[in-house]
Amino acid sequence: MTPFGNVSTEAQKRYNKAHKKSRVIIENAFGRWKRRFHILHSEIRINLKNVPTLIIAAAVLHNIALNRGLPDFDDEIEEDQPPADQFNQCAAFANLDSFALRNNIAQSYFGN
C-alpha cells in the first residue's frame, strides 16, 4: 500500500498519517534486526527456500534477547519520511485494483 499523492479528503489525510507512523515503526524494527543479525544487512547468500526460515529464526532470537534483557541497539529513530508523491512515481505500473483497495481502506477506517 502506498500513501495518497494528492490528498482530497480527510479520510485520505488520516490514512496517510497512519501509513507514515506504521512505516516508521516497521522500518525501525527491520533496522534493529539488521544491526543485531548482520546476515540480514546485505545480500542473503543461502538457498532461497531457506530465507523465510532464517528471517523467522532472527525474529524469534531477537524476541528472546529482548525478553532476557540483552542489550538492544537503540540508535536514533528517524521520523522523517519521503513525501508521498515520491511513492506515486511508480503509479503507472501499479495494479488499479490496489488503488481501489486503498481507497476502500481509507474510507472504511479513516472516514467520518
PDB file of N, CA and C in Angstrom:
ATOM      1  N   MET A   1       0.851  -1.175   0.000  1.00  0.00           N
ATOM      2  CA  MET A   1       0.000   0.000   0.000  1.00  0.00           C
ATOM      3  C   MET A   1       0.895   1.237   0.000  1.00  0.00           C
ATOM      4  N   THR A   2       0.476   2.219  -0.708  1.00  0.00           N
ATOM      5  CA  THR A   2       1.220   3.474  -0.786  1.00  0.00           C
ATOM      6  C   THR A   2       0.348   4.608  -0.258  1.00  0.00           C
ATOM      7  N   PRO A   3       0.970   5.701   0.174  1.00  0.00           N
ATOM      8  CA  PRO A   3       0.174   6.850   0.605  1.00  0.00           C
ATOM      9  C   PRO A   3      -0.459   7.540  -0.597  1.00  0.00           C
ATOM     10  N   PHE A   4      -1.475   8.335  -0.328  1.00  0.00           N
ATOM     11  CA  PHE A   4      -2.111   9.112  -1.384  1.00  0.00           C
ATOM     12  C   PHE A   4      -1.194  10.268  -1.763  1.00  0.00           C
ATOM     13  N   GLY A   5      -1.039  10.516  -3.056  1.00  0.00           N
ATOM     14  CA  GLY A   5      -0.202  11.618  -3.527  1.00  0.00           C
ATOM     15  C   GLY A   5      -0.924  12.944  -3.442  1.00  0.00           C
ATOM     16  N   ASN A   6      -2.105  12.997  -3.985  1.00  0.00           N
ATOM     17  CA  ASN A   6      -2.919  14.214  -3.972  1.00  0.00           C
ATOM     18  C   ASN A   6      -4.098  13.987  -3.042  1.00  0.00           C
ATOM     19  N   VAL A   7      -3.939  14.402  -1.802  1.00  0.00           N
ATOM     20  CA  VAL A   7      -4.961  14.178  -0.790  1.00  0.00           C
ATOM     21  C   VAL A   7      -6.153  15.078  -1.074  1.00  0.00           C
ATOM     22  N   SER A   8      -7.357  14.450  -1.160  1.00  0.00           N
ATOM     23  CA  SER A   8      -8.550  15.245  -1.454  1.00  0.00           C
ATOM     24  C   SER A   8      -9.622  15.132  -0.370  1.00  0.00           C
ATOM     25  N   THR A   9      -9.453  14.202   0.580  1.00  0.00           N
ATOM     26  CA  THR A   9     -10.438  14.061   1.653  1.00  0.00           C
ATOM     27  C   THR A   9      -9.721  13.947   2.996  1.00  0.00           C
ATOM     28  N   GLU A  10     -10.478  14.161   4.058  1.00  0.00           N
ATOM     29  CA  GLU A  10      -9.931  13.992   5.409  1.00  0.00           C
ATOM     30  C   GLU A  10      -9.563  12.541   5.663  1.00  0.00           C
ATOM     31  N   ALA A  11     -10.332  11.610   5.109  1.00  0.00           N
ATOM     32  CA  ALA A  11     -10.034  10.185   5.278  1.00  0.00           C
ATOM     33  C   ALA A  11      -8.667   9.866   4.668  1.00  0.00           C
ATOM     34  N   GLN A  12      -8.393  10.410   3.502  1.00  0.00           N
ATOM     35  CA  GLN A  12      -7.097  10.181   2.858  1.00  0.00           C
ATOM     36  C   GLN A  12      -5.966  10.800   3.675  1.00  0.00           C
ATOM     37  N   LYS A  13      -6.219  11.966   4.254  1.00  0.00           N
ATOM     38  CA  LYS A  13      -5.213  12.626   5.091  1.00  0.00           C
ATOM     39  C   LYS A  13      -4.901  11.770   6.324  1.00  0.00           C
ATOM     40  N   ARG A  14      -5.943  11.243   6.980  1.00  0.00           N
ATOM     41  CA  ARG A  14      -5.747  10.396   8.151  1.00  0.00           C
ATOM     42  C   ARG A  14      -5.066   9.081   7.768  1.00  0.00           C
ATOM     43  N   TYR A  15      -5.432   8.527   6.608  1.00  0.00           N
ATOM     44  CA  TYR A  15      -4.781   7.310   6.107  1.00  0.00           C
ATOM     45  C   TYR A  15      -3.287   7.561   5.933  1.00  0.00           C
ATOM     46  N   ASN A  16      -2.920   8.670   5.277  1.00  0.00           N
ATOM     47  CA  ASN A  16      -1.504   8.989   5.063  1.00  0.00           C
ATOM     48  C   ASN A  16      -0.756   9.134   6.379  1.00  0.00           C
ATOM     49  N   LYS A  17      -1.382   9.747   7.373  1.00  0.00           N
ATOM     50  CA  LYS A  17      -0.739   9.921   8.675  1.00  0.00           C
ATOM     51  C   LYS A  17      -0.500   8.560   9.332  1.00  0.00           C
ATOM     52  N   ALA A  18      -1.501   7.687   9.299  1.00  0.00           N
ATOM     53  CA  ALA A  18      -1.355   6.345   9.873  1.00  0.00           C
ATOM     54  C   ALA A  18      -0.314   5.540   9.095  1.00  0.00           C
ATOM     55  N   HIS A  19      -0.296   5.700   7.789  1.00  0.00           N
ATOM     56  CA  HIS A  19       0.673   4.996   6.939  1.00  0.00           C
ATOM     57  C   HIS A  19       2.089   5.405   7.319  1.00  0.00           C
ATOM     58  N   LYS A  20       2.295   6.694   7.505  1.00  0.00           N
ATOM     59  CA  LYS A  20       3.619   7.208   7.851  1.00  0.00           C
ATOM     60  C   LYS A  20       4.083   6.664   9.203  1.00  0.00           C
ATOM     61  N   LYS A  21       3.187   6.690  10.194  1.00  0.00           N
ATOM     62  CA  LYS A  21       3.540   6.187  11.522  1.00  0.00           C
ATOM     63  C   LYS A  21       3.866   4.700  11.476  1.00  0.00           C
ATOM     64  N   SER A  22       3.056   3.927  10.764  1.00  0.00           N
ATOM     65  CA  SER A  22       3.290   2.489  10.654  1.00  0.00           C
ATOM     66  C   SER A  22       4.600   2.197   9.956  1.00  0.00           C
ATOM     67  N   ARG A  23       4.883   2.950   8.918  1.00  0.00           N
ATOM     68  CA  ARG A  23       6.112   2.727   8.157  1.00  0.00           C
ATOM     69  C   ARG A  23       7.342   2.978   9.030  1.00  0.00           C
ATOM     70  N   VAL A  24       7.299   4.004   9.843  1.00  0.00           N
ATOM     71  CA  VAL A  24       8.424   4.309  10.733  1.00  0.00           C
ATOM     72  C   VAL A  24       8.655   3.155  11.704  1.00  0.00           C
ATOM     73  N   ILE A  25       7.591   2.630  12.276  1.00  0.00           N
ATOM     74  CA  ILE A  25       7.708   1.527  13.238  1.00  0.00           C
ATOM     75  C   ILE A  25       8.282   0.282  12.561  1.00  0.00           C
ATOM     76  N   ILE A  26       7.775  -0.050  11.392  1.00  0.00           N
ATOM     77  CA  ILE A  26       8.235  -1.244  10.681  1.00  0.00           C
ATOM     78  C   ILE A  26       9.689  -1.093  10.252  1.00  0.00           C
ATOM     79  N   GLU A  27      10.046   0.054   9.688  1.00  0.00           N
ATOM     80  CA  GLU A  27      11.431   0.257   9.256  1.00  0.00           C
ATOM     81  C   GLU A  27      12.389   0.256  10.445  1.00  0.00           C
ATOM     82  N   ASN A  28      11.938   0.767  11.579  1.00  0.00           N
ATOM     83  CA  ASN A  28      12.756   0.730  12.786  1.00  0.00           C
ATOM     84  C   ASN A  28      12.996  -0.711  13.221  1.00  0.00           C
ATOM     85  N   ALA A  29      11.952  -1.530  13.184  1.00  0.00           N
ATOM     86  CA  ALA A  29      12.093  -2.940  13.562  1.00  0.00           C
ATOM     87  C   ALA A  29      13.074  -3.648  12.628  1.00  0.00           C
ATOM     88  N   PHE A  30      12.943  -3.422  11.328  1.00  0.00           N
ATOM     89  CA  PHE A  30      13.868  -4.046  10.374  1.00  0.00           C
ATOM     90  C   PHE A  30      15.297  -3.580  10.628  1.00  0.00           C
ATOM     91  N   GLY A  31      15.473  -2.307  10.946  1.00  0.00           N
ATOM     92  CA  GLY A  31      16.808  -1.780  11.239  1.00  0.00           C
ATOM     93  C   GLY A  31      17.416  -2.430  12.469  1.00  0.00           C
ATOM     94  N   ARG A  32      16.598  -2.644  13.492  1.00  0.00           N
ATOM     95  CA  ARG A  32      17.088  -3.300  14.708  1.00  0.00           C
ATOM     96  C   ARG A  32      17.510  -4.729  14.425  1.00  0.00           C
ATOM     97  N   TRP A  33      16.732  -5.446  13.612  1.00  0.00           N
ATOM     98  CA  TRP A  33      17.099  -6.811  13.237  1.00  0.00           C
ATOM     99  C   TRP A  33      18.404  -6.817  12.454  1.00  0.00           C
ATOM    100  N   LYS A  34      18.544  -5.883  11.536  1.00  0.00           N
ATOM    101  CA  LYS A  34      19.759  -5.834  10.705  1.00  0.00           C
ATOM    102  C   LYS A  34      20.996  -5.560  11.546  1.00  0.00           C
ATOM    103  N   ARG A  35      20.858  -4.710  12.570  1.00  0.00           N
ATOM    104  CA  ARG A  35      22.003  -4.425  13.433  1.00  0.00           C
ATOM    105  C   ARG A  35      22.338  -5.615  14.328  1.00  0.00           C
ATOM    106  N   ARG A  36      21.337  -6.343  14.751  1.00  0.00           N
ATOM    107  CA  ARG A  36      21.558  -7.494  15.622  1.00  0.00           C
ATOM    108  C   ARG A  36      22.079  -8.692  14.831  1.00  0.00           C
ATOM    109  N   PHE A  37      21.580  -8.893  13.611  1.00  0.00           N
ATOM    110  CA  PHE A  37      21.952 -10.041  12.772  1.00  0.00           C
ATOM    111  C   PHE A  37      22.487  -9.518  11.445  1.00  0.00           C
ATOM    112  N   HIS A  38      23.786  -9.437  11.347  1.00  0.00           N
ATOM    113  CA  HIS A  38      24.416  -8.830  10.168  1.00  0.00           C
ATOM    114  C   HIS A  38      24.047  -9.541   8.871  1.00  0.00           C
ATOM    115  N   ILE A  39      23.716 -10.820   8.917  1.00  0.00           N
ATOM    116  CA  ILE A  39      23.355 -11.542   7.704  1.00  0.00           C
ATOM    117  C   ILE A  39      22.148 -10.900   7.014  1.00  0.00           C
ATOM    118  N   LEU A  40      21.300 -10.222   7.773  1.00  0.00           N
ATOM    119  CA  LEU A  40      20.122  -9.572   7.197  1.00  0.00           C
ATOM    120  C   LEU A  40      20.450  -8.207   6.595  1.00  0.00           C
ATOM    121  N   HIS A  41      21.656  -7.719   6.837  1.00  0.00           N
ATOM    122  CA  HIS A  41      22.024  -6.373   6.411  1.00  0.00           C
ATOM    123  C   HIS A  41      22.397  -6.288   4.934  1.00  0.00           C
ATOM    124  N   SER A  42      22.791  -7.391   4.347  1.00  0.00           N
ATOM    125  CA  SER A  42      23.179  -7.366   2.937  1.00  0.00           C
ATOM    126  C   SER A  42      22.535  -8.559   2.232  1.00  0.00           C
ATOM    127  N   GLU A  43      23.048  -8.885   1.087  1.00  0.00           N
ATOM    128  CA  GLU A  43      22.506  -9.993   0.317  1.00  0.00           C
ATOM    129  C   GLU A  43      22.594 -11.290   1.128  1.00  0.00           C
ATOM    130  N   ILE A  44      21.486 -12.004   1.209  1.00  0.00           N
ATOM    131  CA  ILE A  44      21.456 -13.274   1.930  1.00  0.00           C
ATOM    132  C   ILE A  44      21.881 -14.361   0.957  1.00  0.00           C
ATOM    133  N   ARG A  45      22.994 -15.000   1.269  1.00  0.00           N
ATOM    134  CA  ARG A  45      23.569 -15.977   0.338  1.00  0.00           C
ATOM    135  C   ARG A  45      23.294 -17.405   0.795  1.00  0.00           C
ATOM    136  N   ILE A  46      22.030 -17.733   0.871  1.00  0.00           N
ATOM    137  CA  ILE A  46      21.623 -19.103   1.148  1.00  0.00           C
ATOM    138  C   ILE A  46      20.540 -19.462   0.146  1.00  0.00           C
ATOM    139  N   ASN A  47      20.199 -20.731   0.110  1.00  0.00           N
ATOM    140  CA  ASN A  47      19.165 -21.194  -0.802  1.00  0.00           C
ATOM    141  C   ASN A  47      17.876 -20.418  -0.544  1.00  0.00           C
ATOM    142  N   LEU A  48      17.238 -19.961  -1.602  1.00  0.00           N
ATOM    143  CA  LEU A  48      16.039 -19.128  -1.498  1.00  0.00           C
ATOM    144  C   LEU A  48      14.951 -19.770  -0.644  1.00  0.00           C
ATOM    145  N   LYS A  49      14.809 -21.087  -0.710  1.00  0.00           N
ATOM    146  CA  LYS A  49      13.757 -21.748   0.074  1.00  0.00           C
ATOM    147  C   LYS A  49      14.030 -21.670   1.579  1.00  0.00           C
ATOM    148  N   ASN A  50      15.277 -21.382   1.983  1.00  0.00           N
ATOM    149  CA  ASN A  50      15.626 -21.296   3.403  1.00  0.00           C
ATOM    150  C   ASN A  50      15.542 -19.878   3.965  1.00  0.00           C
ATOM    151  N   VAL A  51      15.344 -18.882   3.113  1.00  0.00           N
ATOM    152  CA  VAL A  51      15.313 -17.490   3.564  1.00  0.00           C
ATOM    153  C   VAL A  51      14.173 -17.231   4.559  1.00  0.00           C
ATOM    154  N   PRO A  52      12.940 -17.697   4.303  1.00  0.00           N
ATOM    155  CA  PRO A  52      11.887 -17.449   5.310  1.00  0.00           C
ATOM    156  C   PRO A  52      12.227 -18.027   6.680  1.00  0.00           C
ATOM    157  N   THR A  53      12.844 -19.220   6.706  1.00  0.00           N
ATOM    158  CA  THR A  53      13.237 -19.828   7.983  1.00  0.00           C
ATOM    159  C   THR A  53      14.272 -18.966   8.688  1.00  0.00           C
ATOM    160  N   LEU A  54      15.223 -18.433   7.936  1.00  0.00           N
ATOM    161  CA  LEU A  54      16.252 -17.564   8.509  1.00  0.00           C
ATOM    162  C   LEU A  54      15.620 -16.313   9.121  1.00  0.00           C
ATOM    163  N   ILE A  55      14.694 -15.702   8.414  1.00  0.00           N
ATOM    164  CA  ILE A  55      14.054 -14.476   8.899  1.00  0.00           C
ATOM    165  C   ILE A  55      13.215 -14.764  10.146  1.00  0.00           C
ATOM    166  N   ILE A  56      12.492 -15.875  10.140  1.00  0.00           N
ATOM    167  CA  ILE A  56      11.697 -16.245  11.314  1.00  0.00           C
ATOM    168  C   ILE A  56      12.618 -16.521  12.503  1.00  0.00           C
ATOM    169  N   ALA A  57      13.734 -17.229  12.257  1.00  0.00           N
ATOM    170  CA  ALA A  57      14.685 -17.503  13.337  1.00  0.00           C
ATOM    171  C   ALA A  57      15.246 -16.210  13.906  1.00  0.00           C
ATOM    172  N   ALA A  58      15.553 -15.251  13.033  1.00  0.00           N
ATOM    173  CA  ALA A  58      16.066 -13.960  13.506  1.00  0.00           C
ATOM    174  C   ALA A  58      15.027 -13.264  14.384  1.00  0.00           C
ATOM    175  N   ALA A  59      13.767 -13.311  13.973  1.00  0.00           N
ATOM    176  CA  ALA A  59      12.706 -12.677  14.759  1.00  0.00           C
ATOM    177  C   ALA A  59      12.566 -13.349  16.125  1.00  0.00           C
ATOM    178  N   VAL A  60      12.599 -14.675  16.147  1.00  0.00           N
ATOM    179  CA  VAL A  60      12.472 -15.417  17.414  1.00  0.00           C
ATOM    180  C   VAL A  60      13.659 -15.111  18.322  1.00  0.00           C
ATOM    181  N   LEU A  61      14.864 -15.168  17.772  1.00  0.00           N
ATOM    182  CA  LEU A  61      16.054 -14.892  18.584  1.00  0.00           C
ATOM    183  C   LEU A  61      16.063 -13.454  19.093  1.00  0.00           C
ATOM    184  N   HIS A  62      15.603 -12.527  18.278  1.00  0.00           N
ATOM    185  CA  HIS A  62      15.522 -11.129  18.696  1.00  0.00           C
ATOM    186  C   HIS A  62      14.555 -10.989  19.875  1.00  0.00           C
ATOM    187  N   ASN A  63      13.402 -11.647  19.780  1.00  0.00           N
ATOM    188  CA  ASN A  63      12.425 -11.583  20.869  1.00  0.00           C
ATOM    189  C   ASN A  63      12.962 -12.231  22.139  1.00  0.00           C
ATOM    190  N   ILE A  64      13.690 -13.330  22.003  1.00  0.00           N
ATOM    191  CA  ILE A  64      14.299 -13.967  23.178  1.00  0.00           C
ATOM    192  C   ILE A  64      15.301 -13.015  23.822  1.00  0.00           C
ATOM    193  N   ALA A  65      16.115 -12.364  22.991  1.00  0.00           N
ATOM    194  CA  ALA A  65      17.102 -11.411  23.520  1.00  0.00           C
ATOM    195  C   ALA A  65      16.410 -10.283  24.271  1.00  0.00           C
ATOM    196  N   LEU A  66      15.320  -9.771  23.721  1.00  0.00           N
ATOM    197  CA  LEU A  66      14.579  -8.706  24.408  1.00  0.00           C
ATOM    198  C   LEU A  66      13.983  -9.206  25.721  1.00  0.00           C
ATOM    199  N   ASN A  67      13.412 -10.404  25.699  1.00  0.00           N
ATOM    200  CA  ASN A  67      12.811 -10.969  26.927  1.00  0.00           C
ATOM    201  C   ASN A  67      13.844 -11.214  28.014  1.00  0.00           C
ATOM    202  N   ARG A  68      15.066 -11.509  27.634  1.00  0.00           N
ATOM    203  CA  ARG A  68      16.126 -11.772  28.614  1.00  0.00           C
ATOM    204  C   ARG A  68      16.880 -10.504  29.004  1.00  0.00           C
ATOM    205  N   GLY A  69      16.474  -9.386  28.436  1.00  0.00           N
ATOM    206  CA  GLY A  69      17.086  -8.115  28.799  1.00  0.00           C
ATOM    207  C   GLY A  69      18.458  -7.878  28.200  1.00  0.00           C
ATOM    208  N   LEU A  70      18.770  -8.597  27.133  1.00  0.00           N
ATOM    209  CA  LEU A  70      20.055  -8.360  26.475  1.00  0.00           C
ATOM    210  C   LEU A  70      20.042  -6.979  25.829  1.00  0.00           C
ATOM    211  N   PRO A  71      21.201  -6.353  25.725  1.00  0.00           N
ATOM    212  CA  PRO A  71      21.233  -5.001  25.164  1.00  0.00           C
ATOM    213  C   PRO A  71      20.643  -4.948  23.760  1.00  0.00           C
ATOM    214  N   ASP A  72      19.902  -3.903  23.533  1.00  0.00           N
ATOM    215  CA  ASP A  72      19.325  -3.663  22.213  1.00  0.00           C
ATOM    216  C   ASP A  72      20.148  -2.577  21.547  1.00  0.00           C
ATOM    217  N   PHE A  73      19.931  -2.384  20.301  1.00  0.00           N
ATOM    218  CA  PHE A  73      20.666  -1.380  19.541  1.00  0.00           C
ATOM    219  C   PHE A  73      19.752  -0.187  19.327  1.00  0.00           C
ATOM    220  N   ASP A  74      19.601   0.633  20.337  1.00  0.00           N
ATOM    221  CA  ASP A  74      18.679   1.764  20.287  1.00  0.00           C
ATOM    222  C   ASP A  74      19.341   2.987  19.690  1.00  0.00           C
ATOM    223  N   ASP A  75      19.560   2.952  18.406  1.00  0.00           N
ATOM    224  CA  ASP A  75      20.052   4.142  17.727  1.00  0.00           C
ATOM    225  C   ASP A  75      18.909   5.133  17.588  1.00  0.00           C
ATOM    226  N   GLU A  76      19.241   6.307  17.148  1.00  0.00           N
ATOM    227  CA  GLU A  76      18.229   7.339  16.952  1.00  0.00           C
ATOM    228  C   GLU A  76      17.227   6.881  15.898  1.00  0.00           C
ATOM    229  N   ILE A  77      15.933   6.994  16.216  1.00  0.00           N
ATOM    230  CA  ILE A  77      14.878   6.618  15.277  1.00  0.00           C
ATOM    231  C   ILE A  77      14.621   7.794  14.353  1.00  0.00           C
ATOM    232  N   GLU A  78      14.640   7.520  13.073  1.00  0.00           N
ATOM    233  CA  GLU A  78      14.429   8.576  12.095  1.00  0.00           C
ATOM    234  C   GLU A  78      12.942   8.734  11.820  1.00  0.00           C
ATOM    235  N   GLU A  79      12.410   9.895  12.148  1.00  0.00           N
ATOM    236  CA  GLU A  79      10.983  10.143  11.970  1.00  0.00           C
ATOM    237  C   GLU A  79      10.654  10.722  10.603  1.00  0.00           C
ATOM    238  N   ASP A  80      11.633  11.283   9.907  1.00  0.00           N
ATOM    239  CA  ASP A  80      11.367  11.908   8.619  1.00  0.00           C
ATOM    240  C   ASP A  80      11.126  10.850   7.557  1.00  0.00           C
ATOM    241  N   GLN A  81      10.116  11.071   6.763  1.00  0.00           N
ATOM    242  CA  GLN A  81       9.776  10.159   5.684  1.00  0.00           C
ATOM    243  C   GLN A  81       9.753  10.945   4.377  1.00  0.00           C
ATOM    244  N   PRO A  82      10.031  10.268   3.262  1.00  0.00           N
ATOM    245  CA  PRO A  82       9.937  10.964   1.986  1.00  0.00           C
ATOM    246  C   PRO A  82       8.508  11.407   1.725  1.00  0.00           C
ATOM    247  N   PRO A  83       8.326  12.482   0.962  1.00  0.00           N
ATOM    248  CA  PRO A  83       6.970  12.944   0.667  1.00  0.00           C
ATOM    249  C   PRO A  83       6.180  11.889  -0.093  1.00  0.00           C
ATOM    250  N   ALA A  84       4.871  11.908   0.084  1.00  0.00           N
ATOM    251  CA  ALA A  84       4.009  10.896  -0.515  1.00  0.00           C
ATOM    252  C   ALA A  84       4.128  10.847  -2.036  1.00  0.00           C
ATOM    253  N   ASP A  85       4.346  11.993  -2.687  1.00  0.00           N
ATOM    254  CA  ASP A  85       4.409  11.990  -4.147  1.00  0.00           C
ATOM    255  C   ASP A  85       5.596  11.182  -4.662  1.00  0.00           C
ATOM    256  N   GLN A  86       6.597  10.954  -3.837  1.00  0.00           N
ATOM    257  CA  GLN A  86       7.741  10.153  -4.242  1.00  0.00           C
ATOM    258  C   GLN A  86       7.317   8.709  -4.494  1.00  0.00           C
ATOM    259  N   PHE A  87       6.317   8.225  -3.750  1.00  0.00           N
ATOM    260  CA  PHE A  87       5.844   6.859  -3.919  1.00  0.00           C
ATOM    261  C   PHE A  87       4.997   6.708  -5.170  1.00  0.00           C
ATOM    262  N   ASN A  88       4.384   7.771  -5.622  1.00  0.00           N
ATOM    263  CA  ASN A  88       3.484   7.684  -6.764  1.00  0.00           C
ATOM    264  C   ASN A  88       4.204   7.715  -8.095  1.00  0.00           C
ATOM    265  N   GLN A  89       5.536   7.764  -8.097  1.00  0.00           N
ATOM    266  CA  GLN A  89       6.274   7.727  -9.342  1.00  0.00           C
ATOM    267  C   GLN A  89       6.050   6.413 -10.068  1.00  0.00           C
ATOM    268  N   CYS A  90       5.761   5.349  -9.324  1.00  0.00           N
ATOM    269  CA  CYS A  90       5.541   4.030  -9.919  1.00  0.00           C
ATOM    270  C   CYS A  90       4.059   3.743 -10.113  1.00  0.00           C
ATOM    271  N   ALA A  91       3.213   4.725  -9.934  1.00  0.00           N
ATOM    272  CA  ALA A  91       1.768   4.506 -10.002  1.00  0.00           C
ATOM    273  C   ALA A  91       1.332   3.963 -11.357  1.00  0.00           C
ATOM    274  N   ALA A  92       2.016   4.328 -12.415  1.00  0.00           N
ATOM    275  CA  ALA A  92       1.645   3.856 -13.744  1.00  0.00           C
ATOM    276  C   ALA A  92       1.785   2.342 -13.849  1.00  0.00           C
ATOM    277  N   PHE A  93       2.633   1.755 -13.031  1.00  0.00           N
ATOM    278  CA  PHE A  93       2.876   0.318 -13.093  1.00  0.00           C
ATOM    279  C   PHE A  93       2.022  -0.461 -12.096  1.00  0.00           C
ATOM    280  N   ALA A  94       1.326   0.229 -11.224  1.00  0.00           N
ATOM    281  CA  ALA A  94       0.557  -0.433 -10.172  1.00  0.00           C
ATOM    282  C   ALA A  94      -0.744  -1.000 -10.724  1.00  0.00           C
ATOM    283  N   ASN A  95      -1.223  -2.024 -10.071  1.00  0.00           N
ATOM    284  CA  ASN A  95      -2.499  -2.632 -10.420  1.00  0.00           C
ATOM    285  C   ASN A  95      -3.610  -1.686  -9.960  1.00  0.00           C
ATOM    286  N   LEU A  96      -4.525  -1.369 -10.849  1.00  0.00           N
ATOM    287  CA  LEU A  96      -5.591  -0.435 -10.490  1.00  0.00           C
ATOM    288  C   LEU A  96      -6.440  -0.966  -9.339  1.00  0.00           C
ATOM    289  N   ASP A  97      -6.560  -2.274  -9.205  1.00  0.00           N
ATOM    290  CA  ASP A  97      -7.321  -2.828  -8.092  1.00  0.00           C
ATOM    291  C   ASP A  97      -6.713  -2.426  -6.753  1.00  0.00           C
ATOM    292  N   SER A  98      -5.398  -2.259  -6.696  1.00  0.00           N
ATOM    293  CA  SER A  98      -4.764  -1.858  -5.444  1.00  0.00           C
ATOM    294  C   SER A  98      -5.174  -0.439  -5.060  1.00  0.00           C
ATOM    295  N   PHE A  99      -5.408   0.426  -6.049  1.00  0.00           N
ATOM    296  CA  PHE A  99      -5.870   1.785  -5.751  1.00  0.00           C
ATOM    297  C   PHE A  99      -7.294   1.752  -5.200  1.00  0.00           C
ATOM    298  N   ALA A 100      -8.129   0.895  -5.755  1.00  0.00           N
ATOM    299  CA  ALA A 100      -9.493   0.764  -5.246  1.00  0.00           C
ATOM    300  C   ALA A 100      -9.474   0.226  -3.821  1.00  0.00           C
ATOM    301  N   LEU A 101      -8.607  -0.742  -3.560  1.00  0.00           N
ATOM    302  CA  LEU A 101      -8.479  -1.296  -2.211  1.00  0.00           C
ATOM    303  C   LEU A 101      -8.027  -0.221  -1.228  1.00  0.00           C
ATOM    304  N   ARG A 102      -7.009   0.562  -1.604  1.00  0.00           N
ATOM    305  CA  ARG A 102      -6.510   1.631  -0.735  1.00  0.00           C
ATOM    306  C   ARG A 102      -7.619   2.642  -0.453  1.00  0.00           C
ATOM    307  N   ASN A 103      -8.384   3.017  -1.482  1.00  0.00           N
ATOM    308  CA  ASN A 103      -9.489   3.964  -1.288  1.00  0.00           C
ATOM    309  C   ASN A 103     -10.524   3.398  -0.324  1.00  0.00           C
ATOM    310  N   ASN A 104     -10.808   2.107  -0.466  1.00  0.00           N
ATOM    311  CA  ASN A 104     -11.772   1.468   0.418  1.00  0.00           C
ATOM    312  C   ASN A 104     -11.281   1.467   1.863  1.00  0.00           C
ATOM    313  N   ILE A 105      -9.990   1.158   2.068  1.00  0.00           N
ATOM    314  CA  ILE A 105      -9.419   1.172   3.417  1.00  0.00           C
ATOM    315  C   ILE A 105      -9.481   2.578   4.007  1.00  0.00           C
ATOM    316  N   ALA A 106      -9.093   3.575   3.225  1.00  0.00           N
ATOM    317  CA  ALA A 106      -9.100   4.957   3.719  1.00  0.00           C
ATOM    318  C   ALA A 106     -10.509   5.369   4.120  1.00  0.00           C
ATOM    319  N   GLN A 107     -11.491   5.031   3.297  1.00  0.00           N
ATOM    320  CA  GLN A 107     -12.866   5.439   3.588  1.00  0.00           C
ATOM    321  C   GLN A 107     -13.440   4.654   4.768  1.00  0.00           C
ATOM    322  N   SER A 108     -13.156   3.342   4.818  1.00  0.00           N
ATOM    323  CA  SER A 108     -13.736   2.499   5.860  1.00  0.00           C
ATOM    324  C   SER A 108     -13.162   2.759   7.252  1.00  0.00           C
ATOM    325  N   TYR A 109     -11.839   2.955   7.310  1.00  0.00           N
ATOM    326  CA  TYR A 109     -11.193   3.058   8.603  1.00  0.00           C
ATOM    327  C   TYR A 109     -10.825   4.483   9.012  1.00  0.00           C
ATOM    328  N   PHE A 110     -10.713   5.383   8.047  1.00  0.00           N
ATOM    329  CA  PHE A 110     -10.285   6.739   8.355  1.00  0.00           C
ATOM    330  C   PHE A 110     -11.321   7.783   7.962  1.00  0.00           C
ATOM    331  N   GLY A 111     -12.449   7.331   7.419  1.00  0.00           N
ATOM    332  CA  GLY A 111     -13.520   8.256   7.034  1.00  0.00           C
ATOM    333  C   GLY A 111     -14.295   8.732   8.241  1.00  0.00           C
ATOM    334  N   ASN A 112     -15.263   9.584   7.979  1.00  0.00           N
ATOM    335  CA  ASN A 112     -16.052  10.165   9.077  1.00  0.00           C
ATOM    336  C   ASN A 112     -16.933   9.180   9.705  1.00  0.00           C
TER     337      ASN A 112
END
